[in-house]
Amino acid sequence: MTAAPSPDAPSPDAPAVSRAALDARLTDTARAWLADALAEAAGTGPGPVPAGTSPDSAWELRFAAAGRHCGHEHADAVRVLLLAEARPDPETLDRLYHRGSAAERRAVLHALPHLVSGPGALPLVADALRTHDARLVAAAVGPYAAAHLDQHSWRHAVLKCLFVHVPVDAVAGLRRRAHGDATLARMLADHAAERTAAGRDVPHDLERVLALTAQARP
């Protein structure tokens, strides 16, 4: 029998950002495209920037086109690598997120732990948590949220995962932050009671998180 994932395990959707591992999965054409894209992101692109295009917007175009050139299954990892190479400022991150597709927004969220040391990008996390896009919510509750969300907001993020059927294994730091949290236990118990009263099943993940708070209950 396969052991259940640890509640503090990385999100199953988190992209692998190792360049070597990614290169091994890409075609020759895609590898060449990625090499050029990373060079542009680092400011050392292979050729002149087209007239009317700034160096920054050149790599941003690559960021948007990652799925088309490297395959949608690798796009998250490619975009995270580009962001790590470009080290964009907060304004650029904000622009990439708000102007991007759901896939591009997801990549920005995955990259936040590598790019932002403080809580300045929490508005992006809050925006993602307001959506009903399960993959976006899963990206929002990664290591950056674990490090910077206040406990009140974090509790509601956990409940949002249950509402939109995001596995709680996506929640970084779950065991640590849920441990002994009586308020979270009460919120989960209330949610379970509402579901039971409505004749609906209580998700197993809710019971798992409730168990993590057990020390707070008699």
C-alpha atoms as a PDB file:
ATOM      1  CA  MET A   1       0.000   0.000   0.000  1.00  0.00           C
ATOM      2  CA  THR A   2       1.320   3.457  -0.885  1.00  0.00           C
ATOM      3  CA  ALA A   3       1.743   5.735   2.093  1.00  0.00           C
ATOM      4  CA  ALA A   4      -0.400   8.867   2.203  1.00  0.00           C
ATOM      5  CA  PRO A   5       1.491  12.067   1.364  1.00  0.00           C
ATOM      6  CA  SER A   6       2.655  14.100   4.320  1.00  0.00           C
ATOM      7  CA  PRO A   7       0.457  17.130   5.066  1.00  0.00           C
ATOM      8  CA  ASP A   8       3.620  19.209   4.767  1.00  0.00           C
ATOM      9  CA  ALA A   9       4.682  17.699   1.433  1.00  0.00           C
ATOM     10  CA  PRO A  10       5.123  20.055  -1.541  1.00  0.00           C
ATOM     11  CA  SER A  11       2.097  20.622  -3.730  1.00  0.00           C
ATOM     12  CA  PRO A  12       1.697  17.841  -6.308  1.00  0.00           C
ATOM     13  CA  ASP A  13       1.167  20.586  -8.878  1.00  0.00           C
ATOM     14  CA  ALA A  14       4.328  22.492  -7.957  1.00  0.00           C
ATOM     15  CA  PRO A  15       6.566  22.708 -11.029  1.00  0.00           C
ATOM     16  CA  ALA A  16       9.985  21.097 -11.145  1.00  0.00           C
ATOM     17  CA  VAL A  17      12.354  24.012 -11.707  1.00  0.00           C
ATOM     18  CA  SER A  18      15.598  22.101 -12.264  1.00  0.00           C
ATOM     19  CA  ARG A  19      16.974  23.189 -15.635  1.00  0.00           C
ATOM     20  CA  ALA A  20      18.690  19.845 -16.192  1.00  0.00           C
ATOM     21  CA  ALA A  21      15.537  17.854 -15.432  1.00  0.00           C
ATOM     22  CA  LEU A  22      13.488  20.100 -17.698  1.00  0.00           C
ATOM     23  CA  ASP A  23      15.996  19.918 -20.565  1.00  0.00           C
ATOM     24  CA  ALA A  24      15.799  16.129 -20.424  1.00  0.00           C
ATOM     25  CA  ARG A  25      12.071  16.282 -21.145  1.00  0.00           C
ATOM     26  CA  LEU A  26      12.124  18.866 -23.937  1.00  0.00           C
ATOM     27  CA  THR A  27      12.672  18.410 -27.647  1.00  0.00           C
ATOM     28  CA  ASP A  28      15.794  19.870 -29.248  1.00  0.00           C
ATOM     29  CA  THR A  29      13.734  22.733 -30.649  1.00  0.00           C
ATOM     30  CA  ALA A  30      12.156  23.483 -27.286  1.00  0.00           C
ATOM     31  CA  ARG A  31      15.548  23.356 -25.525  1.00  0.00           C
ATOM     32  CA  ALA A  32      16.973  25.871 -27.985  1.00  0.00           C
ATOM     33  CA  TRP A  33      13.942  28.128 -27.496  1.00  0.00           C
ATOM     34  CA  LEU A  34      14.317  27.918 -23.713  1.00  0.00           C
ATOM     35  CA  ALA A  35      18.031  28.750 -23.878  1.00  0.00           C
ATOM     36  CA  ASP A  36      17.273  31.879 -25.910  1.00  0.00           C
ATOM     37  CA  ALA A  37      14.404  32.807 -23.595  1.00  0.00           C
ATOM     38  CA  LEU A  38      16.565  32.488 -20.480  1.00  0.00           C
ATOM     39  CA  ALA A  39      19.291  34.569 -22.120  1.00  0.00           C
ATOM     40  CA  GLU A  40      16.759  37.287 -22.878  1.00  0.00           C
ATOM     41  CA  ALA A  41      15.456  37.128 -19.311  1.00  0.00           C
ATOM     42  CA  ALA A  42      19.016  37.582 -18.059  1.00  0.00           C
ATOM     43  CA  GLY A  43      19.492  40.539 -20.397  1.00  0.00           C
ATOM     44  CA  THR A  44      21.922  38.767 -22.717  1.00  0.00           C
ATOM     45  CA  GLY A  45      19.629  37.760 -25.548  1.00  0.00           C
ATOM     46  CA  PRO A  46      20.954  36.159 -28.733  1.00  0.00           C
ATOM     47  CA  GLY A  47      20.081  39.047 -31.003  1.00  0.00           C
ATOM     48  CA  PRO A  48      18.868  42.652 -31.166  1.00  0.00           C
ATOM     49  CA  VAL A  49      15.547  43.478 -29.563  1.00  0.00           C
ATOM     50  CA  PRO A  50      12.892  44.306 -32.183  1.00  0.00           C
ATOM     51  CA  ALA A  51      12.231  47.996 -32.740  1.00  0.00           C
ATOM     52  CA  GLY A  52       9.725  49.373 -30.266  1.00  0.00           C
ATOM     53  CA  THR A  53      10.219  46.446 -27.858  1.00  0.00           C
ATOM     54  CA  SER A  54      12.001  46.896 -24.551  1.00  0.00           C
ATOM     55  CA  PRO A  55      14.368  44.166 -23.288  1.00  0.00           C
ATOM     56  CA  ASP A  56      11.971  43.451 -20.457  1.00  0.00           C
ATOM     57  CA  SER A  57       8.930  43.063 -22.686  1.00  0.00           C
ATOM     58  CA  ALA A  58      10.912  40.721 -24.976  1.00  0.00           C
ATOM     59  CA  TRP A  59      11.306  38.103 -22.247  1.00  0.00           C
ATOM     60  CA  GLU A  60       7.752  38.761 -21.094  1.00  0.00           C
ATOM     61  CA  LEU A  61       6.561  37.714 -24.542  1.00  0.00           C
ATOM     62  CA  ARG A  62       8.570  34.507 -24.096  1.00  0.00           C
ATOM     63  CA  PHE A  63       6.891  34.042 -20.709  1.00  0.00           C
ATOM     64  CA  ALA A  64       3.463  34.178 -22.335  1.00  0.00           C
ATOM     65  CA  ALA A  65       4.496  31.839 -25.187  1.00  0.00           C
ATOM     66  CA  ALA A  66       6.076  29.114 -23.037  1.00  0.00           C
ATOM     67  CA  GLY A  67       3.277  26.604 -23.487  1.00  0.00           C
ATOM     68  CA  ARG A  68       3.239  26.966 -27.245  1.00  0.00           C
ATOM     69  CA  HIS A  69       6.988  26.377 -27.590  1.00  0.00           C
ATOM     70  CA  CYS A  70       7.745  23.930 -24.768  1.00  0.00           C
ATOM     71  CA  GLY A  71       4.436  22.122 -24.305  1.00  0.00           C
ATOM     72  CA  HIS A  72       1.707  23.004 -21.861  1.00  0.00           C
ATOM     73  CA  GLU A  73       2.781  20.209 -19.522  1.00  0.00           C
ATOM     74  CA  HIS A  74       6.152  21.980 -19.073  1.00  0.00           C
ATOM     75  CA  ALA A  75       4.939  25.588 -19.204  1.00  0.00           C
ATOM     76  CA  ASP A  76       4.766  26.140 -15.432  1.00  0.00           C
ATOM     77  CA  ALA A  77       8.366  25.002 -14.941  1.00  0.00           C
ATOM     78  CA  VAL A  78       9.597  27.039 -17.915  1.00  0.00           C
ATOM     79  CA  ARG A  79       7.880  30.178 -16.662  1.00  0.00           C
ATOM     80  CA  VAL A  80       9.245  29.753 -13.136  1.00  0.00           C
ATOM     81  CA  LEU A  81      12.764  29.426 -14.586  1.00  0.00           C
ATOM     82  CA  LEU A  82      12.238  32.588 -16.630  1.00  0.00           C
ATOM     83  CA  LEU A  83      11.036  34.501 -13.590  1.00  0.00           C
ATOM     84  CA  ALA A  84      13.983  33.271 -11.515  1.00  0.00           C
ATOM     85  CA  GLU A  85      16.385  34.428 -14.252  1.00  0.00           C
ATOM     86  CA  ALA A  86      14.724  37.796 -14.855  1.00  0.00           C
ATOM     87  CA  ARG A  87      14.242  38.686 -11.166  1.00  0.00           C
ATOM     88  CA  PRO A  88      11.365  41.058 -12.039  1.00  0.00           C
ATOM     89  CA  ASP A  89      10.508  43.967  -9.783  1.00  0.00           C
ATOM     90  CA  PRO A  90       7.160  44.039  -7.929  1.00  0.00           C
ATOM     91  CA  GLU A  91       5.496  46.144 -10.631  1.00  0.00           C
ATOM     92  CA  THR A  92       6.463  43.666 -13.343  1.00  0.00           C
ATOM     93  CA  LEU A  93       5.286  40.699 -11.265  1.00  0.00           C
ATOM     94  CA  ASP A  94       1.988  42.444 -10.691  1.00  0.00           C
ATOM     95  CA  ARG A  95       1.620  43.135 -14.410  1.00  0.00           C
ATOM     96  CA  LEU A  96       2.475  39.576 -15.418  1.00  0.00           C
ATOM     97  CA  TYR A  97      -0.078  38.239 -12.965  1.00  0.00           C
ATOM     98  CA  HIS A  98      -2.983  40.550 -13.723  1.00  0.00           C
ATOM     99  CA  ARG A  99      -2.538  40.556 -17.497  1.00  0.00           C
ATOM    100  CA  GLY A 100      -1.749  36.864 -17.761  1.00  0.00           C
ATOM    101  CA  SER A 101      -3.808  33.777 -18.406  1.00  0.00           C
ATOM    102  CA  ALA A 102      -4.661  31.441 -15.526  1.00  0.00           C
ATOM    103  CA  ALA A 103      -1.563  29.390 -16.401  1.00  0.00           C
ATOM    104  CA  GLU A 104       0.660  32.488 -16.323  1.00  0.00           C
ATOM    105  CA  ARG A 105      -0.824  33.588 -12.999  1.00  0.00           C
ATOM    106  CA  ARG A 106      -0.174  30.137 -11.599  1.00  0.00           C
ATOM    107  CA  ALA A 107       3.489  30.371 -12.578  1.00  0.00           C
ATOM    108  CA  VAL A 108       3.840  33.749 -10.872  1.00  0.00           C
ATOM    109  CA  LEU A 109       2.405  32.272  -7.668  1.00  0.00           C
ATOM    110  CA  HIS A 110       4.746  29.277  -7.840  1.00  0.00           C
ATOM    111  CA  ALA A 111       7.725  31.618  -8.268  1.00  0.00           C
ATOM    112  CA  LEU A 112       6.934  33.940  -5.350  1.00  0.00           C
ATOM    113  CA  PRO A 113       9.068  32.085  -2.765  1.00  0.00           C
ATOM    114  CA  HIS A 114      12.084  32.507  -5.065  1.00  0.00           C
ATOM    115  CA  LEU A 115      11.448  36.181  -5.837  1.00  0.00           C
ATOM    116  CA  VAL A 116       9.822  37.973  -2.903  1.00  0.00           C
ATOM    117  CA  SER A 117      11.289  37.860   0.592  1.00  0.00           C
ATOM    118  CA  GLY A 118       8.538  39.741   2.425  1.00  0.00           C
ATOM    119  CA  PRO A 119       4.736  39.938   2.404  1.00  0.00           C
ATOM    120  CA  GLY A 120       4.546  42.454  -0.457  1.00  0.00           C
ATOM    121  CA  ALA A 121       3.068  39.951  -2.924  1.00  0.00           C
ATOM    122  CA  LEU A 122       0.220  38.839  -0.661  1.00  0.00           C
ATOM    123  CA  PRO A 123      -2.342  40.770  -2.771  1.00  0.00           C
ATOM    124  CA  LEU A 124      -1.621  38.302  -5.590  1.00  0.00           C
ATOM    125  CA  VAL A 125      -2.242  35.379  -3.240  1.00  0.00           C
ATOM    126  CA  ALA A 126      -5.470  36.994  -2.022  1.00  0.00           C
ATOM    127  CA  ASP A 127      -6.643  37.500  -5.602  1.00  0.00           C
ATOM    128  CA  ALA A 128      -6.044  33.851  -6.468  1.00  0.00           C
ATOM    129  CA  LEU A 129      -7.899  32.717  -3.356  1.00  0.00           C
ATOM    130  CA  ARG A 130     -10.956  34.690  -4.459  1.00  0.00           C
ATOM    131  CA  THR A 131     -11.245  32.586  -7.608  1.00  0.00           C
ATOM    132  CA  HIS A 132     -12.847  29.173  -8.077  1.00  0.00           C
ATOM    133  CA  ASP A 133      -9.962  27.910 -10.206  1.00  0.00           C
ATOM    134  CA  ALA A 134      -8.710  24.876  -8.271  1.00  0.00           C
ATOM    135  CA  ARG A 135      -5.219  24.916  -9.804  1.00  0.00           C
ATOM    136  CA  LEU A 136      -4.832  28.631  -9.094  1.00  0.00           C
ATOM    137  CA  VAL A 137      -5.944  28.151  -5.499  1.00  0.00           C
ATOM    138  CA  ALA A 138      -3.486  25.241  -5.147  1.00  0.00           C
ATOM    139  CA  ALA A 139      -0.647  27.473  -6.356  1.00  0.00           C
ATOM    140  CA  ALA A 140      -1.716  30.234  -3.965  1.00  0.00           C
ATOM    141  CA  VAL A 141      -1.390  28.058  -0.844  1.00  0.00           C
ATOM    142  CA  GLY A 142       2.232  27.126  -1.475  1.00  0.00           C
ATOM    143  CA  PRO A 143       5.337  28.055   0.545  1.00  0.00           C
ATOM    144  CA  TYR A 144       4.909  31.816   0.082  1.00  0.00           C
ATOM    145  CA  ALA A 145       1.458  31.741   1.702  1.00  0.00           C
ATOM    146  CA  ALA A 146       2.740  29.455   4.457  1.00  0.00           C
ATOM    147  CA  ALA A 147       5.440  31.991   5.272  1.00  0.00           C
ATOM    148  CA  HIS A 148       3.455  35.229   5.042  1.00  0.00           C
ATOM    149  CA  LEU A 149      -0.316  34.796   5.382  1.00  0.00           C
ATOM    150  CA  ASP A 150      -1.605  35.767   8.812  1.00  0.00           C
ATOM    151  CA  GLN A 151      -3.369  32.963  10.653  1.00  0.00           C
ATOM    152  CA  HIS A 152      -6.877  34.318  10.022  1.00  0.00           C
ATOM    153  CA  SER A 153      -6.320  34.507   6.266  1.00  0.00           C
ATOM    154  CA  TRP A 154      -4.531  31.167   6.244  1.00  0.00           C
ATOM    155  CA  ARG A 155      -7.487  29.425   7.919  1.00  0.00           C
ATOM    156  CA  HIS A 156      -9.819  30.768   5.248  1.00  0.00           C
ATOM    157  CA  ALA A 157      -7.373  29.608   2.575  1.00  0.00           C
ATOM    158  CA  VAL A 158      -7.601  26.069   3.974  1.00  0.00           C
ATOM    159  CA  LEU A 159     -11.401  26.252   3.891  1.00  0.00           C
ATOM    160  CA  LYS A 160     -11.252  27.553   0.320  1.00  0.00           C
ATOM    161  CA  CYS A 161      -9.270  24.456  -0.640  1.00  0.00           C
ATOM    162  CA  LEU A 162     -12.042  22.293   0.794  1.00  0.00           C
ATOM    163  CA  PHE A 163     -14.722  24.304  -1.031  1.00  0.00           C
ATOM    164  CA  VAL A 164     -13.085  23.996  -4.455  1.00  0.00           C
ATOM    165  CA  HIS A 165     -11.796  20.431  -3.923  1.00  0.00           C
ATOM    166  CA  VAL A 166      -8.083  21.235  -3.781  1.00  0.00           C
ATOM    167  CA  PRO A 167      -6.297  18.389  -1.940  1.00  0.00           C
ATOM    168  CA  VAL A 168      -4.933  19.673   1.348  1.00  0.00           C
ATOM    169  CA  ASP A 169      -1.553  18.219   0.383  1.00  0.00           C
ATOM    170  CA  ALA A 170      -1.247  21.396  -1.699  1.00  0.00           C
ATOM    171  CA  VAL A 171      -1.195  23.510   1.484  1.00  0.00           C
ATOM    172  CA  ALA A 172       2.432  24.149   2.412  1.00  0.00           C
ATOM    173  CA  GLY A 173       3.192  24.043   6.121  1.00  0.00           C
ATOM    174  CA  LEU A 174      -0.197  22.519   6.916  1.00  0.00           C
ATOM    175  CA  ARG A 175       0.909  20.362   9.840  1.00  0.00           C
ATOM    176  CA  ARG A 176       2.855  23.191  11.476  1.00  0.00           C
ATOM    177  CA  ARG A 177       0.189  25.867  11.104  1.00  0.00           C
ATOM    178  CA  ALA A 178      -2.841  23.697  11.887  1.00  0.00           C
ATOM    179  CA  HIS A 179      -1.291  22.148  14.989  1.00  0.00           C
ATOM    180  CA  GLY A 180      -3.324  23.073  18.072  1.00  0.00           C
ATOM    181  CA  ASP A 181      -5.400  25.705  16.236  1.00  0.00           C
ATOM    182  CA  ALA A 182      -8.709  25.708  18.143  1.00  0.00           C
ATOM    183  CA  THR A 183     -10.232  28.348  15.879  1.00  0.00           C
ATOM    184  CA  LEU A 184      -9.505  26.319  12.758  1.00  0.00           C
ATOM    185  CA  ALA A 185     -10.931  23.239  14.498  1.00  0.00           C
ATOM    186  CA  ARG A 186     -14.165  25.110  15.201  1.00  0.00           C
ATOM    187  CA  MET A 187     -14.403  26.383  11.619  1.00  0.00           C
ATOM    188  CA  LEU A 188     -13.875  22.889  10.247  1.00  0.00           C
ATOM    189  CA  ALA A 189     -16.421  21.385  12.635  1.00  0.00           C
ATOM    190  CA  ASP A 190     -18.979  24.021  11.601  1.00  0.00           C
ATOM    191  CA  HIS A 191     -18.332  23.294   7.930  1.00  0.00           C
ATOM    192  CA  ALA A 192     -18.698  19.556   8.536  1.00  0.00           C
ATOM    193  CA  ALA A 193     -21.978  20.125  10.397  1.00  0.00           C
ATOM    194  CA  GLU A 194     -23.335  22.233   7.533  1.00  0.00           C
ATOM    195  CA  ARG A 195     -22.500  19.523   5.014  1.00  0.00           C
ATOM    196  CA  THR A 196     -24.030  16.807   7.174  1.00  0.00           C
ATOM    197  CA  ALA A 197     -27.222  18.835   7.675  1.00  0.00           C
ATOM    198  CA  ALA A 198     -27.461  19.259   3.906  1.00  0.00           C
ATOM    199  CA  GLY A 199     -27.100  15.510   3.378  1.00  0.00           C
ATOM    200  CA  ARG A 200     -23.651  15.850   1.848  1.00  0.00           C
ATOM    201  CA  ASP A 201     -20.540  13.815   2.611  1.00  0.00           C
ATOM    202  CA  VAL A 202     -17.802  15.295   4.769  1.00  0.00           C
ATOM    203  CA  PRO A 203     -14.544  15.297   2.745  1.00  0.00           C
ATOM    204  CA  HIS A 204     -11.812  13.036   4.048  1.00  0.00           C
ATOM    205  CA  ASP A 205      -9.399  15.978   3.756  1.00  0.00           C
ATOM    206  CA  LEU A 206     -11.512  17.930   6.263  1.00  0.00           C
ATOM    207  CA  GLU A 207     -11.153  15.082   8.748  1.00  0.00           C
ATOM    208  CA  ARG A 208      -7.394  14.994   8.106  1.00  0.00           C
ATOM    209  CA  VAL A 209      -6.982  18.689   8.881  1.00  0.00           C
ATOM    210  CA  LEU A 210      -9.277  18.436  11.888  1.00  0.00           C
ATOM    211  CA  ALA A 211      -7.060  15.661  13.224  1.00  0.00           C
ATOM    212  CA  LEU A 212      -4.065  18.004  13.000  1.00  0.00           C
ATOM    213  CA  THR A 213      -5.845  20.454  15.298  1.00  0.00           C
ATOM    214  CA  ALA A 214      -6.844  17.732  17.759  1.00  0.00           C
ATOM    215  CA  GLN A 215      -4.478  18.887  20.483  1.00  0.00           C
ATOM    216  CA  ALA A 216      -6.578  22.028  20.824  1.00  0.00           C
ATOM    217  CA  ARG A 217      -9.741  20.042  21.587  1.00  0.00           C
ATOM    218  CA  PRO A 218     -10.623  18.222  24.832  1.00  0.00           C
END
